[in-house]
């Protein structure tokens, strides 16, 4: 007499409660898990004004004031020179 052959395939067992599908339980089987890259903090910003280093900002501002003062002084001086020349003749 031969021994009965046991079935090696998976068997289904029915419980008494309702069957509930939990997607988080099967996520590792269905989709590969994504790993976030390691957080690397940005280097600290250098303090500055309008995106320029402080020294560069102040040098540009002083240069701008000197150029504007020279333009205004030249305009006023030229106007006075012309008026003085007209009054002398």
C-alpha atoms as a PDB file:
ATOM      1  CA  UNK A   1       0.000   0.000   0.000  1.00  0.00           C
ATOM      2  CA  UNK A   2       1.283   3.442  -0.865  1.00  0.00           C
ATOM      3  CA  UNK A   3       1.352   6.365   1.497  1.00  0.00           C
ATOM      4  CA  UNK A   4      -0.955   9.219   0.622  1.00  0.00           C
ATOM      5  CA  UNK A   5       0.823  12.070  -1.160  1.00  0.00           C
ATOM      6  CA  UNK A   6       0.686  15.301   0.827  1.00  0.00           C
ATOM      7  CA  UNK A   7      -0.089  18.371  -1.220  1.00  0.00           C
ATOM      8  CA  UNK A   8       2.744  20.928  -0.849  1.00  0.00           C
ATOM      9  CA  UNK A   9       0.822  23.862  -2.385  1.00  0.00           C
ATOM     10  CA  UNK A  10      -0.375  26.708  -0.118  1.00  0.00           C
ATOM     11  CA  UNK A  11      -3.625  26.085   1.633  1.00  0.00           C
ATOM     12  CA  UNK A  12      -6.387  28.630   2.218  1.00  0.00           C
ATOM     13  CA  UNK A  13      -7.686  29.001   5.741  1.00  0.00           C
ATOM     14  CA  UNK A  14     -10.942  30.821   6.309  1.00  0.00           C
ATOM     15  CA  UNK A  15     -11.374  32.666   9.567  1.00  0.00           C
ATOM     16  CA  UNK A  16     -14.564  33.596  11.239  1.00  0.00           C
ATOM     17  CA  UNK A  17     -14.193  37.391  10.797  1.00  0.00           C
ATOM     18  CA  UNK A  18     -14.166  39.453   7.589  1.00  0.00           C
ATOM     19  CA  UNK A  19     -10.966  39.551   5.566  1.00  0.00           C
ATOM     20  CA  UNK A  20      -9.392  43.020   5.428  1.00  0.00           C
ATOM     21  CA  UNK A  21      -6.673  44.034   3.005  1.00  0.00           C
ATOM     22  CA  UNK A  22      -3.956  46.215   4.533  1.00  0.00           C
ATOM     23  CA  UNK A  23      -1.973  47.935   1.734  1.00  0.00           C
ATOM     24  CA  UNK A  24       0.875  48.843   4.076  1.00  0.00           C
ATOM     25  CA  UNK A  25       1.403  45.214   4.965  1.00  0.00           C
ATOM     26  CA  UNK A  26       1.939  44.254   1.327  1.00  0.00           C
ATOM     27  CA  UNK A  27       3.783  47.377   0.191  1.00  0.00           C
ATOM     28  CA  UNK A  28       7.216  45.796   0.455  1.00  0.00           C
ATOM     29  CA  UNK A  29       6.100  42.988  -1.837  1.00  0.00           C
ATOM     30  CA  UNK A  30       4.399  45.166  -4.447  1.00  0.00           C
ATOM     31  CA  UNK A  31       6.723  48.165  -4.677  1.00  0.00           C
ATOM     32  CA  UNK A  32      10.355  48.772  -3.867  1.00  0.00           C
ATOM     33  CA  UNK A  33      10.758  51.101  -0.930  1.00  0.00           C
ATOM     34  CA  UNK A  34      12.314  54.442  -1.707  1.00  0.00           C
ATOM     35  CA  UNK A  35      15.105  55.647   0.506  1.00  0.00           C
ATOM     36  CA  UNK A  36      15.457  59.383   0.990  1.00  0.00           C
ATOM     37  CA  UNK A  37      18.933  60.751   0.375  1.00  0.00           C
ATOM     38  CA  UNK A  38      20.846  61.873   3.414  1.00  0.00           C
ATOM     39  CA  UNK A  39      20.125  65.497   4.376  1.00  0.00           C
ATOM     40  CA  UNK A  40      23.113  67.754   3.775  1.00  0.00           C
ATOM     41  CA  UNK A  41      22.671  71.273   5.180  1.00  0.00           C
ATOM     42  CA  UNK A  42      23.543  74.183   2.919  1.00  0.00           C
ATOM     43  CA  UNK A  43      26.639  76.138   3.851  1.00  0.00           C
ATOM     44  CA  UNK A  44      25.824  79.225   5.912  1.00  0.00           C
ATOM     45  CA  UNK A  45      25.357  82.414   3.901  1.00  0.00           C
ATOM     46  CA  UNK A  46      27.833  85.175   4.463  1.00  0.00           C
ATOM     47  CA  UNK A  47      26.142  88.241   5.802  1.00  0.00           C
ATOM     48  CA  UNK A  48      25.999  90.964   3.220  1.00  0.00           C
ATOM     49  CA  UNK A  49      23.909  93.768   1.809  1.00  0.00           C
ATOM     50  CA  UNK A  50      21.947  93.206  -1.421  1.00  0.00           C
ATOM     51  CA  UNK A  51      23.845  89.978  -2.028  1.00  0.00           C
ATOM     52  CA  UNK A  52      27.244  91.687  -1.960  1.00  0.00           C
ATOM     53  CA  UNK A  53      29.892  91.429   0.726  1.00  0.00           C
ATOM     54  CA  UNK A  54      29.696  94.394   3.101  1.00  0.00           C
ATOM     55  CA  UNK A  55      33.004  95.925   2.005  1.00  0.00           C
ATOM     56  CA  UNK A  56      32.094  95.736  -1.701  1.00  0.00           C
ATOM     57  CA  UNK A  57      28.671  97.288  -1.067  1.00  0.00           C
ATOM     58  CA  UNK A  58      30.100 100.229   0.850  1.00  0.00           C
ATOM     59  CA  UNK A  59      32.855 100.845  -1.731  1.00  0.00           C
ATOM     60  CA  UNK A  60      30.272 100.851  -4.560  1.00  0.00           C
ATOM     61  CA  UNK A  61      27.996 103.187  -2.591  1.00  0.00           C
ATOM     62  CA  UNK A  62      30.838 105.645  -1.901  1.00  0.00           C
ATOM     63  CA  UNK A  63      31.888 105.546  -5.567  1.00  0.00           C
ATOM     64  CA  UNK A  64      28.294 106.202  -6.649  1.00  0.00           C
ATOM     65  CA  UNK A  65      27.986 109.174  -4.258  1.00  0.00           C
ATOM     66  CA  UNK A  66      31.284 110.636  -5.542  1.00  0.00           C
ATOM     67  CA  UNK A  67      30.191 110.294  -9.193  1.00  0.00           C
ATOM     68  CA  UNK A  68      26.788 111.898  -8.503  1.00  0.00           C
ATOM     69  CA  UNK A  69      28.413 114.717  -6.499  1.00  0.00           C
ATOM     70  CA  UNK A  70      30.886 115.343  -9.336  1.00  0.00           C
ATOM     71  CA  UNK A  71      28.055 115.448 -11.911  1.00  0.00           C
ATOM     72  CA  UNK A  72      25.960 117.864  -9.830  1.00  0.00           C
ATOM     73  CA  UNK A  73      29.004 120.009  -9.006  1.00  0.00           C
ATOM     74  CA  UNK A  74      30.039 120.109 -12.656  1.00  0.00           C
ATOM     75  CA  UNK A  75      26.529 121.057 -13.754  1.00  0.00           C
ATOM     76  CA  UNK A  76      26.177 123.823 -11.160  1.00  0.00           C
ATOM     77  CA  UNK A  77      29.720 125.078 -11.779  1.00  0.00           C
ATOM     78  CA  UNK A  78      29.200 125.107 -15.554  1.00  0.00           C
ATOM     79  CA  UNK A  79      25.914 126.979 -15.232  1.00  0.00           C
ATOM     80  CA  UNK A  80      27.484 129.607 -12.952  1.00  0.00           C
ATOM     81  CA  UNK A  81      30.446 129.984 -15.303  1.00  0.00           C
ATOM     82  CA  UNK A  82      28.147 130.601 -18.269  1.00  0.00           C
ATOM     83  CA  UNK A  83      26.040 133.124 -16.311  1.00  0.00           C
ATOM     84  CA  UNK A  84      29.205 134.882 -15.116  1.00  0.00           C
ATOM     85  CA  UNK A  85      30.565 135.024 -18.660  1.00  0.00           C
ATOM     86  CA  UNK A  86      27.294 136.541 -19.977  1.00  0.00           C
ATOM     87  CA  UNK A  87      27.193 139.207 -17.254  1.00  0.00           C
ATOM     88  CA  UNK A  88      30.834 140.259 -17.814  1.00  0.00           C
ATOM     89  CA  UNK A  89      30.414 140.953 -21.548  1.00  0.00           C
END
